[in-house]
Amino acid sequence: MSEIGSVYLLEILKGFKGLKSNAEKAIEQLSDEELHYTPDPETNSTAIIVKHIAGNLYSRFTDFLISDGEKPNRNRDNEFIDEQWSRIQLMEYWEGGWQILFSTLQQLTEDDLTKTVYIRSEAHTVIRALQRQLAHYAYHCGQIVFLAKLIKSDRFKNLSIPRGKSNEFLSSPPKEK
């Protein structure tokens, strides 16, 4: 694999892992009850968003190169119904979806990056499909973090540089890679 292809695959993997990690750090701060909180009837709970992301991961990345990313057995509408799954059920489903993605990414080669895959019968290069999914999960992981911040208010443990602490962060020694 050329350097560009291998770098891209490593970077996209890091991007997905970063989203997963941030969402999980926010989820960990919520009680079991708070996972199902919605500020209004039109807003999804954290539990629903987790279920939706996982359902999307299973659908998009199972047989990624050889079948449409919208699997006929996926019930997308059901993902938006809070069936009051326990934290354990939610996180097992979540983890299963992410593991399918990570396994798929580990199997991809540079030659795969320009192949055509389909999502809802729409053609995408593998690169475009991966970027589409990265953006989609960033959107929803951001919702999870926002909901956790909304619920926890000043008790939320910041996942980034806290407000008013930028100069302190910039003056600290760089972290080892």
Protein backbone atom coordinates (compact mmCIF):
# COMPACT_ATOMS: atom_id res chain seq x y z
CA MET A 1 0.00 0.00 0.00
CA SER A 2 1.32 3.45 -0.83
CA GLU A 3 1.99 5.91 1.92
CA ILE A 4 -1.06 8.05 1.07
CA GLY A 5 -3.49 5.13 1.15
CA SER A 6 -2.12 3.74 4.40
CA VAL A 7 -2.03 7.21 5.99
CA TYR A 8 -5.65 7.82 4.95
CA LEU A 9 -6.80 4.51 6.44
CA LEU A 10 -4.94 5.22 9.70
CA GLU A 11 -6.32 8.75 9.91
CA ILE A 12 -9.92 7.72 9.21
CA LEU A 13 -9.57 5.02 11.88
CA LYS A 14 -8.27 7.63 14.36
CA GLY A 15 -11.20 9.89 13.47
CA PHE A 16 -13.78 7.18 14.12
CA LYS A 17 -12.04 6.11 17.35
CA GLY A 18 -11.99 9.72 18.55
CA LEU A 19 -15.72 10.12 17.98
CA LYS A 20 -16.46 6.86 19.77
CA SER A 21 -14.25 7.82 22.70
CA ASN A 22 -15.80 11.27 23.17
CA ALA A 23 -19.33 9.88 22.99
CA GLU A 24 -18.46 7.18 25.53
CA LYS A 25 -16.89 9.73 27.91
CA ALA A 26 -20.13 11.70 27.78
CA ILE A 27 -22.32 8.59 28.16
CA GLU A 28 -20.33 7.48 31.22
CA GLN A 29 -21.33 10.71 32.97
CA LEU A 30 -25.04 9.93 32.65
CA SER A 31 -27.11 7.82 35.00
CA ASP A 32 -29.17 4.98 33.57
CA GLU A 33 -32.26 7.19 33.82
CA GLU A 34 -30.52 10.15 32.17
CA LEU A 35 -29.68 8.00 29.12
CA HIS A 36 -33.39 8.12 28.27
CA TYR A 37 -33.96 11.84 28.99
CA THR A 38 -35.37 14.04 26.24
CA PRO A 39 -35.72 17.81 26.68
CA ASP A 40 -38.81 17.78 24.45
CA PRO A 41 -40.86 15.29 22.41
CA GLU A 42 -39.00 16.07 19.16
CA THR A 43 -35.51 15.48 20.59
CA ASN A 44 -33.89 12.05 20.67
CA SER A 45 -32.55 10.72 23.94
CA THR A 46 -28.94 9.59 24.26
CA ALA A 47 -30.23 6.01 24.24
CA ILE A 48 -31.98 6.56 20.91
CA ILE A 49 -28.92 8.19 19.37
CA VAL A 50 -26.72 5.31 20.57
CA LYS A 51 -29.19 2.81 19.08
CA HIS A 52 -29.32 4.73 15.79
CA ILE A 53 -25.53 5.00 15.43
CA ALA A 54 -25.13 1.30 16.20
CA GLY A 55 -27.88 0.32 13.75
CA ASN A 56 -26.23 2.45 11.10
CA LEU A 57 -22.80 0.91 11.81
CA TYR A 58 -24.16 -2.63 11.48
CA SER A 59 -25.95 -1.77 8.25
CA ARG A 60 -23.21 0.25 6.57
CA PHE A 61 -20.20 -1.89 7.44
CA THR A 62 -21.50 -5.47 7.29
CA ASP A 63 -20.30 -6.75 3.89
CA PHE A 64 -19.17 -3.18 3.17
CA LEU A 65 -17.57 -3.79 -0.24
CA ILE A 66 -20.14 -6.24 -1.59
CA SER A 67 -23.62 -5.13 -0.52
CA ASP A 68 -25.61 -1.92 -0.27
CA GLY A 69 -24.98 -0.10 3.00
CA GLU A 70 -28.69 0.09 3.67
CA LYS A 71 -29.44 -3.54 4.49
CA PRO A 72 -32.95 -4.87 3.86
CA ASN A 73 -33.15 -6.26 7.41
CA ARG A 74 -32.44 -2.88 9.03
CA ASN A 75 -35.43 -1.28 10.71
CA ARG A 76 -34.23 2.33 10.80
CA ASP A 77 -37.53 3.74 12.09
CA ASN A 78 -37.36 1.39 15.08
CA GLU A 79 -33.99 2.92 16.01
CA PHE A 80 -35.84 6.10 16.95
CA ILE A 81 -38.14 4.38 19.45
CA ASP A 82 -36.82 4.31 23.00
CA GLU A 83 -37.49 0.75 24.08
CA GLN A 84 -35.90 1.52 27.46
CA TRP A 85 -32.93 -0.77 26.86
CA SER A 86 -30.61 -1.04 29.81
CA ARG A 87 -27.18 0.57 29.72
CA ILE A 88 -25.67 -2.91 29.23
CA GLN A 89 -27.94 -3.67 26.25
CA LEU A 90 -27.26 -0.27 24.67
CA MET A 91 -23.51 -0.45 25.10
CA GLU A 92 -23.28 -4.05 23.85
CA TYR A 93 -25.18 -3.06 20.71
CA TRP A 94 -23.04 0.09 20.35
CA GLU A 95 -19.79 -1.84 20.77
CA GLY A 96 -20.86 -4.50 18.28
CA GLY A 97 -21.50 -1.88 15.62
CA TRP A 98 -18.16 -0.17 16.17
CA GLN A 99 -16.31 -3.49 16.07
CA ILE A 100 -17.80 -4.22 12.64
CA LEU A 101 -16.53 -0.83 11.44
CA PHE A 102 -13.04 -1.32 12.90
CA SER A 103 -12.78 -4.85 11.48
CA THR A 104 -13.85 -3.57 8.07
CA LEU A 105 -11.30 -0.74 8.17
CA GLN A 106 -8.50 -3.16 9.08
CA GLN A 107 -9.32 -5.27 6.03
CA LEU A 108 -9.36 -2.39 3.53
CA THR A 109 -6.43 -1.87 1.20
CA GLU A 110 -5.35 1.09 -0.89
CA ASP A 111 -6.88 -0.60 -3.94
CA ASP A 112 -10.24 -0.64 -2.16
CA LEU A 113 -10.30 3.13 -1.61
CA THR A 114 -11.43 3.96 -5.15
CA LYS A 115 -13.84 1.05 -5.51
CA THR A 116 -17.54 1.78 -5.75
CA VAL A 117 -19.88 0.93 -2.89
CA TYR A 118 -23.56 1.73 -2.56
CA ILE A 119 -25.58 3.40 0.15
CA ARG A 120 -29.33 3.39 -0.53
CA SER A 121 -28.51 2.51 -4.15
CA GLU A 122 -26.34 5.64 -4.52
CA ALA A 123 -22.80 5.02 -5.78
CA HIS A 124 -19.89 6.23 -3.62
CA THR A 125 -16.17 5.65 -3.76
CA VAL A 126 -15.02 3.91 -0.59
CA ILE A 127 -13.32 7.17 0.41
CA ARG A 128 -16.55 9.12 -0.03
CA ALA A 129 -18.56 6.49 1.86
CA LEU A 130 -16.10 6.60 4.77
CA GLN A 131 -16.15 10.42 4.84
CA ARG A 132 -19.94 10.39 4.72
CA GLN A 133 -20.08 8.06 7.72
CA LEU A 134 -17.43 10.00 9.65
CA ALA A 135 -19.49 13.18 9.21
CA HIS A 136 -22.71 11.36 10.14
CA TYR A 137 -21.25 9.91 13.33
CA ALA A 138 -19.61 13.25 14.22
CA TYR A 139 -23.05 14.87 14.02
CA HIS A 140 -24.65 12.30 16.30
CA CYS A 141 -21.71 11.97 18.72
CA GLY A 142 -21.87 15.76 19.07
CA GLN A 143 -25.55 15.40 19.97
CA ILE A 144 -24.63 12.86 22.67
CA VAL A 145 -22.04 15.22 24.14
CA PHE A 146 -24.44 18.15 23.98
CA LEU A 147 -27.22 16.20 25.70
CA ALA A 148 -24.83 15.07 28.45
CA LYS A 149 -23.70 18.69 28.96
CA LEU A 150 -27.32 19.84 29.03
CA ILE A 151 -28.29 17.18 31.56
CA LYS A 152 -25.23 17.50 33.81
CA SER A 153 -24.84 21.28 33.51
CA ASP A 154 -21.91 22.44 35.68
CA ARG A 155 -21.29 18.84 36.80
CA PHE A 156 -20.27 17.81 33.27
CA LYS A 157 -16.60 16.82 33.05
CA ASN A 158 -15.31 18.66 29.99
CA LEU A 159 -13.93 16.53 27.15
CA SER A 160 -11.78 19.32 25.72
CA ILE A 161 -10.15 22.50 26.93
CA PRO A 162 -12.55 24.03 29.49
CA ARG A 163 -13.88 27.51 28.90
CA GLY A 164 -11.37 30.14 30.05
CA LYS A 165 -8.47 27.64 30.16
CA SER A 166 -7.02 28.05 26.63
CA ASN A 167 -3.97 30.04 27.71
CA GLU A 168 -3.23 27.57 30.50
CA PHE A 169 -3.46 24.72 28.00
CA LEU A 170 -1.27 26.48 25.42
CA SER A 171 1.44 27.20 28.01
CA SER A 172 1.65 23.60 29.25
CA PRO A 173 4.33 21.29 27.82
CA PRO A 174 3.28 19.21 24.80
CA LYS A 175 2.04 15.68 25.48
CA GLU A 176 4.09 12.73 24.24
CA LYS A 177 2.66 10.97 21.19
